[in-house]
Amino acid sequence: MGEIDRSSNPAADKSRMAVALGVLVVLGLLSWFTIDRSAMLHVAGREIPVRWLPEVVLGLFAFRTVMAHARARLESKGPKEG
C-alpha cells in the first residue's frame, strides 16, 4: 500500500540521524544549563569543570552517530560495478 522502498539498514535513514542529533543537542543544552558553572572535579592535582564532561560524552555520541550513518549509506550503495 504505497510503501516507500528504504534501505534495510535503519542507520542509513537521514531523518533518523537528524532526530538522534537533535536529541543529543537538547541533552547537551539541558546538561549545560543544569550543571553549576563553579562545579569542579579534582583530577591529578588539576581542577576540571564538571560542566564540560557531559558535553564531551555527548559529542562522542554525536560523532559515532554521524559515522554510523555514513557507513550505512556507503554499505547501502553496494560495490561499484565497472
PDB file of N, CA and C in Angstrom:
ATOM      1  N   MET A   1       0.828  -1.201   0.000  1.00  0.00           N
ATOM      2  CA  MET A   1       0.000   0.000   0.000  1.00  0.00           C
ATOM      3  C   MET A   1       0.866   1.257   0.000  1.00  0.00           C
ATOM      4  N   GLY A   2       1.514   1.533  -1.110  1.00  0.00           N
ATOM      5  CA  GLY A   2       2.290   2.755  -1.201  1.00  0.00           C
ATOM      6  C   GLY A   2       3.491   2.778  -0.277  1.00  0.00           C
ATOM      7  N   GLU A   3       4.047   1.612   0.038  1.00  0.00           N
ATOM      8  CA  GLU A   3       5.171   1.553   0.956  1.00  0.00           C
ATOM      9  C   GLU A   3       6.426   2.079   0.261  1.00  0.00           C
ATOM     10  N   ILE A   4       7.175   2.918   0.954  1.00  0.00           N
ATOM     11  CA  ILE A   4       8.385   3.508   0.402  1.00  0.00           C
ATOM     12  C   ILE A   4       9.523   2.504   0.530  1.00  0.00           C
ATOM     13  N   ASP A   5      10.268   2.320  -0.551  1.00  0.00           N
ATOM     14  CA  ASP A   5      11.404   1.397  -0.531  1.00  0.00           C
ATOM     15  C   ASP A   5      12.574   2.087   0.161  1.00  0.00           C
ATOM     16  N   ARG A   6      12.918   1.594   1.340  1.00  0.00           N
ATOM     17  CA  ARG A   6      14.023   2.167   2.097  1.00  0.00           C
ATOM     18  C   ARG A   6      15.122   1.150   2.255  1.00  0.00           C
ATOM     19  N   SER A   7      16.258   1.616   2.652  1.00  0.00           N
ATOM     20  CA  SER A   7      17.397   0.729   2.885  1.00  0.00           C
ATOM     21  C   SER A   7      17.061  -0.233   4.017  1.00  0.00           C
ATOM     22  N   SER A   8      17.641  -1.421   3.961  1.00  0.00           N
ATOM     23  CA  SER A   8      17.392  -2.400   5.015  1.00  0.00           C
ATOM     24  C   SER A   8      18.060  -1.993   6.323  1.00  0.00           C
ATOM     25  N   ASN A   9      19.011  -1.071   6.261  1.00  0.00           N
ATOM     26  CA  ASN A   9      19.697  -0.606   7.455  1.00  0.00           C
ATOM     27  C   ASN A   9      19.055   0.705   7.922  1.00  0.00           C
ATOM     28  N   PRO A  10      18.466   0.717   9.118  1.00  0.00           N
ATOM     29  CA  PRO A  10      17.799   1.943   9.578  1.00  0.00           C
ATOM     30  C   PRO A  10      18.760   3.090   9.836  1.00  0.00           C
ATOM     31  N   ALA A  11      20.055   2.810  10.015  1.00  0.00           N
ATOM     32  CA  ALA A  11      21.017   3.885  10.252  1.00  0.00           C
ATOM     33  C   ALA A  11      21.237   4.732   9.006  1.00  0.00           C
ATOM     34  N   ALA A  12      20.841   4.225   7.836  1.00  0.00           N
ATOM     35  CA  ALA A  12      21.011   4.982   6.599  1.00  0.00           C
ATOM     36  C   ALA A  12      19.929   6.032   6.408  1.00  0.00           C
ATOM     37  N   ASP A  13      18.905   6.020   7.238  1.00  0.00           N
ATOM     38  CA  ASP A  13      17.798   6.962   7.124  1.00  0.00           C
ATOM     39  C   ASP A  13      18.228   8.335   7.652  1.00  0.00           C
ATOM     40  N   LYS A  14      18.165   9.341   6.777  1.00  0.00           N
ATOM     41  CA  LYS A  14      18.624  10.685   7.138  1.00  0.00           C
ATOM     42  C   LYS A  14      17.765  11.320   8.233  1.00  0.00           C
ATOM     43  N   SER A  15      16.474  11.056   8.219  1.00  0.00           N
ATOM     44  CA  SER A  15      15.601  11.666   9.223  1.00  0.00           C
ATOM     45  C   SER A  15      15.869  11.081  10.613  1.00  0.00           C
ATOM     46  N   ARG A  16      16.207   9.796  10.664  1.00  0.00           N
ATOM     47  CA  ARG A  16      16.542   9.195  11.960  1.00  0.00           C
ATOM     48  C   ARG A  16      17.822   9.790  12.522  1.00  0.00           C
ATOM     49  N   MET A  17      18.794  10.057  11.652  1.00  0.00           N
ATOM     50  CA  MET A  17      20.034  10.671  12.112  1.00  0.00           C
ATOM     51  C   MET A  17      19.764  12.082  12.616  1.00  0.00           C
ATOM     52  N   ALA A  18      18.917  12.818  11.908  1.00  0.00           N
ATOM     53  CA  ALA A  18      18.597  14.182  12.326  1.00  0.00           C
ATOM     54  C   ALA A  18      17.911  14.182  13.694  1.00  0.00           C
ATOM     55  N   VAL A  19      17.015  13.236  13.913  1.00  0.00           N
ATOM     56  CA  VAL A  19      16.335  13.145  15.209  1.00  0.00           C
ATOM     57  C   VAL A  19      17.336  12.797  16.302  1.00  0.00           C
ATOM     58  N   ALA A  20      18.238  11.854  16.026  1.00  0.00           N
ATOM     59  CA  ALA A  20      19.238  11.454  17.021  1.00  0.00           C
ATOM     60  C   ALA A  20      20.148  12.628  17.377  1.00  0.00           C
ATOM     61  N   LEU A  21      20.597  13.374  16.378  1.00  0.00           N
ATOM     62  CA  LEU A  21      21.450  14.528  16.651  1.00  0.00           C
ATOM     63  C   LEU A  21      20.679  15.628  17.383  1.00  0.00           C
ATOM     64  N   GLY A  22      19.412  15.793  17.045  1.00  0.00           N
ATOM     65  CA  GLY A  22      18.582  16.773  17.754  1.00  0.00           C
ATOM     66  C   GLY A  22      18.414  16.426  19.220  1.00  0.00           C
ATOM     67  N   VAL A  23      18.220  15.142  19.503  1.00  0.00           N
ATOM     68  CA  VAL A  23      18.100  14.702  20.898  1.00  0.00           C
ATOM     69  C   VAL A  23      19.408  14.958  21.645  1.00  0.00           C
ATOM     70  N   LEU A  24      20.543  14.692  20.996  1.00  0.00           N
ATOM     71  CA  LEU A  24      21.836  14.942  21.639  1.00  0.00           C
ATOM     72  C   LEU A  24      22.051  16.428  21.904  1.00  0.00           C
ATOM     73  N   VAL A  25      21.615  17.282  20.998  1.00  0.00           N
ATOM     74  CA  VAL A  25      21.735  18.727  21.207  1.00  0.00           C
ATOM     75  C   VAL A  25      20.875  19.168  22.388  1.00  0.00           C
ATOM     76  N   VAL A  26      19.657  18.660  22.459  1.00  0.00           N
ATOM     77  CA  VAL A  26      18.772  19.017  23.576  1.00  0.00           C
ATOM     78  C   VAL A  26      19.371  18.549  24.902  1.00  0.00           C
ATOM     79  N   LEU A  27      19.892  17.320  24.926  1.00  0.00           N
ATOM     80  CA  LEU A  27      20.527  16.822  26.147  1.00  0.00           C
ATOM     81  C   LEU A  27      21.743  17.665  26.526  1.00  0.00           C
ATOM     82  N   GLY A  28      22.507  18.083  25.523  1.00  0.00           N
ATOM     83  CA  GLY A  28      23.664  18.932  25.792  1.00  0.00           C
ATOM     84  C   GLY A  28      23.266  20.275  26.382  1.00  0.00           C
ATOM     85  N   LEU A  29      22.221  20.865  25.828  1.00  0.00           N
ATOM     86  CA  LEU A  29      21.744  22.150  26.368  1.00  0.00           C
ATOM     87  C   LEU A  29      21.204  21.999  27.783  1.00  0.00           C
ATOM     88  N   LEU A  30      20.447  20.929  28.012  1.00  0.00           N
ATOM     89  CA  LEU A  30      19.914  20.699  29.357  1.00  0.00           C
ATOM     90  C   LEU A  30      21.028  20.493  30.372  1.00  0.00           C
ATOM     91  N   SER A  31      22.032  19.726  30.006  1.00  0.00           N
ATOM     92  CA  SER A  31      23.132  19.496  30.948  1.00  0.00           C
ATOM     93  C   SER A  31      23.939  20.775  31.155  1.00  0.00           C
ATOM     94  N   TRP A  32      24.123  21.561  30.109  1.00  0.00           N
ATOM     95  CA  TRP A  32      24.906  22.797  30.229  1.00  0.00           C
ATOM     96  C   TRP A  32      24.241  23.780  31.187  1.00  0.00           C
ATOM     97  N   PHE A  33      22.933  23.934  31.069  1.00  0.00           N
ATOM     98  CA  PHE A  33      22.248  24.908  31.916  1.00  0.00           C
ATOM     99  C   PHE A  33      21.870  24.351  33.287  1.00  0.00           C
ATOM    100  N   THR A  34      21.994  23.038  33.475  1.00  0.00           N
ATOM    101  CA  THR A  34      21.666  22.436  34.759  1.00  0.00           C
ATOM    102  C   THR A  34      22.864  22.387  35.698  1.00  0.00           C
ATOM    103  N   ILE A  35      24.030  22.091  35.161  1.00  0.00           N
ATOM    104  CA  ILE A  35      25.230  21.952  35.988  1.00  0.00           C
ATOM    105  C   ILE A  35      25.776  23.333  36.313  1.00  0.00           C
ATOM    106  N   ASP A  36      26.110  23.519  37.584  1.00  0.00           N
ATOM    107  CA  ASP A  36      26.611  24.801  38.063  1.00  0.00           C
ATOM    108  C   ASP A  36      27.957  25.132  37.427  1.00  0.00           C
ATOM    109  N   ARG A  37      28.145  26.380  37.103  1.00  0.00           N
ATOM    110  CA  ARG A  37      29.371  26.843  36.464  1.00  0.00           C
ATOM    111  C   ARG A  37      30.599  26.664  37.365  1.00  0.00           C
ATOM    112  N   SER A  38      30.400  26.736  38.659  1.00  0.00           N
ATOM    113  CA  SER A  38      31.536  26.660  39.590  1.00  0.00           C
ATOM    114  C   SER A  38      31.865  25.235  40.033  1.00  0.00           C
ATOM    115  N   ALA A  39      31.126  24.236  39.568  1.00  0.00           N
ATOM    116  CA  ALA A  39      31.391  22.846  39.958  1.00  0.00           C
ATOM    117  C   ALA A  39      32.684  22.371  39.311  1.00  0.00           C
ATOM    118  N   MET A  40      33.613  21.901  40.152  1.00  0.00           N
ATOM    119  CA  MET A  40      34.914  21.444  39.675  1.00  0.00           C
ATOM    120  C   MET A  40      35.174  20.022  40.144  1.00  0.00           C
ATOM    121  N   LEU A  41      35.931  19.296  39.346  1.00  0.00           N
ATOM    122  CA  LEU A  41      36.339  17.936  39.674  1.00  0.00           C
ATOM    123  C   LEU A  41      37.859  17.938  39.760  1.00  0.00           C
ATOM    124  N   HIS A  42      38.407  17.455  40.877  1.00  0.00           N
ATOM    125  CA  HIS A  42      39.847  17.442  41.086  1.00  0.00           C
ATOM    126  C   HIS A  42      40.423  16.136  40.555  1.00  0.00           C
ATOM    127  N   VAL A  43      41.252  16.245  39.519  1.00  0.00           N
ATOM    128  CA  VAL A  43      41.878  15.077  38.905  1.00  0.00           C
ATOM    129  C   VAL A  43      43.370  15.358  38.769  1.00  0.00           C
ATOM    130  N   ALA A  44      44.180  14.520  39.401  1.00  0.00           N
ATOM    131  CA  ALA A  44      45.647  14.616  39.315  1.00  0.00           C
ATOM    132  C   ALA A  44      46.142  16.024  39.619  1.00  0.00           C
ATOM    133  N   GLY A  45      45.593  16.641  40.635  1.00  0.00           N
ATOM    134  CA  GLY A  45      46.028  17.963  41.054  1.00  0.00           C
ATOM    135  C   GLY A  45      45.499  19.106  40.206  1.00  0.00           C
ATOM    136  N   ARG A  46      44.668  18.813  39.229  1.00  0.00           N
ATOM    137  CA  ARG A  46      44.085  19.853  38.382  1.00  0.00           C
ATOM    138  C   ARG A  46      42.589  19.915  38.610  1.00  0.00           C
ATOM    139  N   GLU A  47      42.028  21.072  38.396  1.00  0.00           N
ATOM    140  CA  GLU A  47      40.588  21.237  38.504  1.00  0.00           C
ATOM    141  C   GLU A  47      39.975  21.252  37.106  1.00  0.00           C
ATOM    142  N   ILE A  48      39.039  20.350  36.897  1.00  0.00           N
ATOM    143  CA  ILE A  48      38.354  20.249  35.611  1.00  0.00           C
ATOM    144  C   ILE A  48      36.902  20.668  35.816  1.00  0.00           C
ATOM    145  N   PRO A  49      36.403  21.601  34.998  1.00  0.00           N
ATOM    146  CA  PRO A  49      34.996  21.998  35.133  1.00  0.00           C
ATOM    147  C   PRO A  49      34.063  20.831  34.789  1.00  0.00           C
ATOM    148  N   VAL A  50      33.188  20.495  35.705  1.00  0.00           N
ATOM    149  CA  VAL A  50      32.262  19.381  35.523  1.00  0.00           C
ATOM    150  C   VAL A  50      31.301  19.657  34.377  1.00  0.00           C
ATOM    151  N   ARG A  51      31.068  20.898  34.112  1.00  0.00           N
ATOM    152  CA  ARG A  51      30.115  21.296  33.077  1.00  0.00           C
ATOM    153  C   ARG A  51      30.494  20.755  31.696  1.00  0.00           C
ATOM    154  N   TRP A  52      31.784  20.534  31.449  1.00  0.00           N
ATOM    155  CA  TRP A  52      32.241  20.092  30.133  1.00  0.00           C
ATOM    156  C   TRP A  52      32.177  18.586  29.963  1.00  0.00           C
ATOM    157  N   LEU A  53      32.117  17.822  31.029  1.00  0.00           N
ATOM    158  CA  LEU A  53      32.143  16.363  30.930  1.00  0.00           C
ATOM    159  C   LEU A  53      30.970  15.795  30.122  1.00  0.00           C
ATOM    160  N   PRO A  54      29.729  16.159  30.416  1.00  0.00           N
ATOM    161  CA  PRO A  54      28.631  15.629  29.593  1.00  0.00           C
ATOM    162  C   PRO A  54      28.688  16.113  28.145  1.00  0.00           C
ATOM    163  N   GLU A  55      29.226  17.312  27.929  1.00  0.00           N
ATOM    164  CA  GLU A  55      29.340  17.826  26.559  1.00  0.00           C
ATOM    165  C   GLU A  55      30.309  16.972  25.749  1.00  0.00           C
ATOM    166  N   VAL A  56      31.408  16.564  26.369  1.00  0.00           N
ATOM    167  CA  VAL A  56      32.381  15.720  25.671  1.00  0.00           C
ATOM    168  C   VAL A  56      31.768  14.360  25.352  1.00  0.00           C
ATOM    169  N   VAL A  57      31.086  13.765  26.332  1.00  0.00           N
ATOM    170  CA  VAL A  57      30.463  12.453  26.128  1.00  0.00           C
ATOM    171  C   VAL A  57      29.391  12.522  25.033  1.00  0.00           C
ATOM    172  N   LEU A  58      28.551  13.541  25.080  1.00  0.00           N
ATOM    173  CA  LEU A  58      27.510  13.692  24.062  1.00  0.00           C
ATOM    174  C   LEU A  58      28.117  13.990  22.690  1.00  0.00           C
ATOM    175  N   GLY A  59      29.223  14.720  22.666  1.00  0.00           N
ATOM    176  CA  GLY A  59      29.914  14.972  21.413  1.00  0.00           C
ATOM    177  C   GLY A  59      30.451  13.685  20.795  1.00  0.00           C
ATOM    178  N   LEU A  60      30.952  12.790  21.638  1.00  0.00           N
ATOM    179  CA  LEU A  60      31.426  11.496  21.146  1.00  0.00           C
ATOM    180  C   LEU A  60      30.270  10.660  20.599  1.00  0.00           C
ATOM    181  N   PHE A  61      29.129  10.714  21.270  1.00  0.00           N
ATOM    182  CA  PHE A  61      27.946  10.009  20.753  1.00  0.00           C
ATOM    183  C   PHE A  61      27.503  10.600  19.413  1.00  0.00           C
ATOM    184  N   ALA A  62      27.571  11.915  19.281  1.00  0.00           N
ATOM    185  CA  ALA A  62      27.196  12.550  18.014  1.00  0.00           C
ATOM    186  C   ALA A  62      28.148  12.119  16.901  1.00  0.00           C
ATOM    187  N   PHE A  63      29.444  12.073  17.195  1.00  0.00           N
ATOM    188  CA  PHE A  63      30.429  11.618  16.217  1.00  0.00           C
ATOM    189  C   PHE A  63      30.144  10.183  15.801  1.00  0.00           C
ATOM    190  N   ARG A  64      29.831   9.337  16.773  1.00  0.00           N
ATOM    191  CA  ARG A  64      29.521   7.936  16.485  1.00  0.00           C
ATOM    192  C   ARG A  64      28.257   7.817  15.621  1.00  0.00           C
ATOM    193  N   THR A  65      27.274   8.637  15.896  1.00  0.00           N
ATOM    194  CA  THR A  65      26.036   8.627  15.125  1.00  0.00           C
ATOM    195  C   THR A  65      26.298   9.016  13.671  1.00  0.00           C
ATOM    196  N   VAL A  66      27.082  10.062  13.467  1.00  0.00           N
ATOM    197  CA  VAL A  66      27.386  10.514  12.104  1.00  0.00           C
ATOM    198  C   VAL A  66      28.202   9.454  11.365  1.00  0.00           C
ATOM    199  N   MET A  67      29.170   8.841  12.052  1.00  0.00           N
ATOM    200  CA  MET A  67      29.985   7.805  11.408  1.00  0.00           C
ATOM    201  C   MET A  67      29.146   6.569  11.055  1.00  0.00           C
ATOM    202  N   ALA A  68      28.214   6.183  11.914  1.00  0.00           N
ATOM    203  CA  ALA A  68      27.340   5.040  11.626  1.00  0.00           C
ATOM    204  C   ALA A  68      26.446   5.348  10.432  1.00  0.00           C
ATOM    205  N   HIS A  69      25.973   6.577  10.356  1.00  0.00           N
ATOM    206  CA  HIS A  69      25.136   6.985   9.224  1.00  0.00           C
ATOM    207  C   HIS A  69      25.933   6.944   7.920  1.00  0.00           C
ATOM    208  N   ALA A  70      27.156   7.462   7.958  1.00  0.00           N
ATOM    209  CA  ALA A  70      27.987   7.465   6.753  1.00  0.00           C
ATOM    210  C   ALA A  70      28.304   6.041   6.312  1.00  0.00           C
ATOM    211  N   ARG A  71      28.602   5.182   7.259  1.00  0.00           N
ATOM    212  CA  ARG A  71      28.902   3.791   6.926  1.00  0.00           C
ATOM    213  C   ARG A  71      27.675   3.095   6.318  1.00  0.00           C
ATOM    214  N   ALA A  72      26.512   3.315   6.914  1.00  0.00           N
ATOM    215  CA  ALA A  72      25.287   2.688   6.414  1.00  0.00           C
ATOM    216  C   ALA A  72      24.962   3.171   5.004  1.00  0.00           C
ATOM    217  N   ARG A  73      25.187   4.456   4.739  1.00  0.00           N
ATOM    218  CA  ARG A  73      24.953   4.980   3.387  1.00  0.00           C
ATOM    219  C   ARG A  73      25.886   4.341   2.379  1.00  0.00           C
ATOM    220  N   LEU A  74      27.151   4.198   2.758  1.00  0.00           N
ATOM    221  CA  LEU A  74      28.113   3.574   1.849  1.00  0.00           C
ATOM    222  C   LEU A  74      27.785   2.107   1.612  1.00  0.00           C
ATOM    223  N   GLU A  75      27.365   1.405   2.670  1.00  0.00           N
ATOM    224  CA  GLU A  75      27.025  -0.004   2.517  1.00  0.00           C
ATOM    225  C   GLU A  75      25.755  -0.189   1.699  1.00  0.00           C
ATOM    226  N   SER A  76      24.825   0.743   1.791  1.00  0.00           N
ATOM    227  CA  SER A  76      23.579   0.602   1.046  1.00  0.00           C
ATOM    228  C   SER A  76      23.783   0.837  -0.445  1.00  0.00           C
ATOM    229  N   LYS A  77      24.828   1.593  -0.820  1.00  0.00           N
ATOM    230  CA  LYS A  77      25.114   1.805  -2.233  1.00  0.00           C
ATOM    231  C   LYS A  77      25.662   0.543  -2.876  1.00  0.00           C
ATOM    232  N   GLY A  78      26.326  -0.278  -2.084  1.00  0.00           N
ATOM    233  CA  GLY A  78      26.868  -1.531  -2.625  1.00  0.00           C
ATOM    234  C   GLY A  78      28.151  -1.290  -3.395  1.00  0.00           C
ATOM    235  N   PRO A  79      28.764  -2.366  -3.856  1.00  0.00           N
ATOM    236  CA  PRO A  79      30.021  -2.217  -4.605  1.00  0.00           C
ATOM    237  C   PRO A  79      29.759  -1.616  -5.980  1.00  0.00           C
ATOM    238  N   LYS A  80      30.698  -0.800  -6.402  1.00  0.00           N
ATOM    239  CA  LYS A  80      30.564  -0.187  -7.733  1.00  0.00           C
ATOM    240  C   LYS A  80      30.960  -1.189  -8.793  1.00  0.00           C
ATOM    241  N   GLU A  81      30.186  -1.212  -9.843  1.00  0.00           N
ATOM    242  CA  GLU A  81      30.486  -2.100 -10.963  1.00  0.00           C
ATOM    243  C   GLU A  81      31.110  -1.295 -12.091  1.00  0.00           C
ATOM    244  N   GLY A  82      32.159  -1.853 -12.673  1.00  0.00           N
ATOM    245  CA  GLY A  82      32.728  -1.181 -13.824  1.00  0.00           C
ATOM    246  C   GLY A  82      34.047  -0.591 -13.630  1.00  0.00           C
TER     247      GLY A  82
END
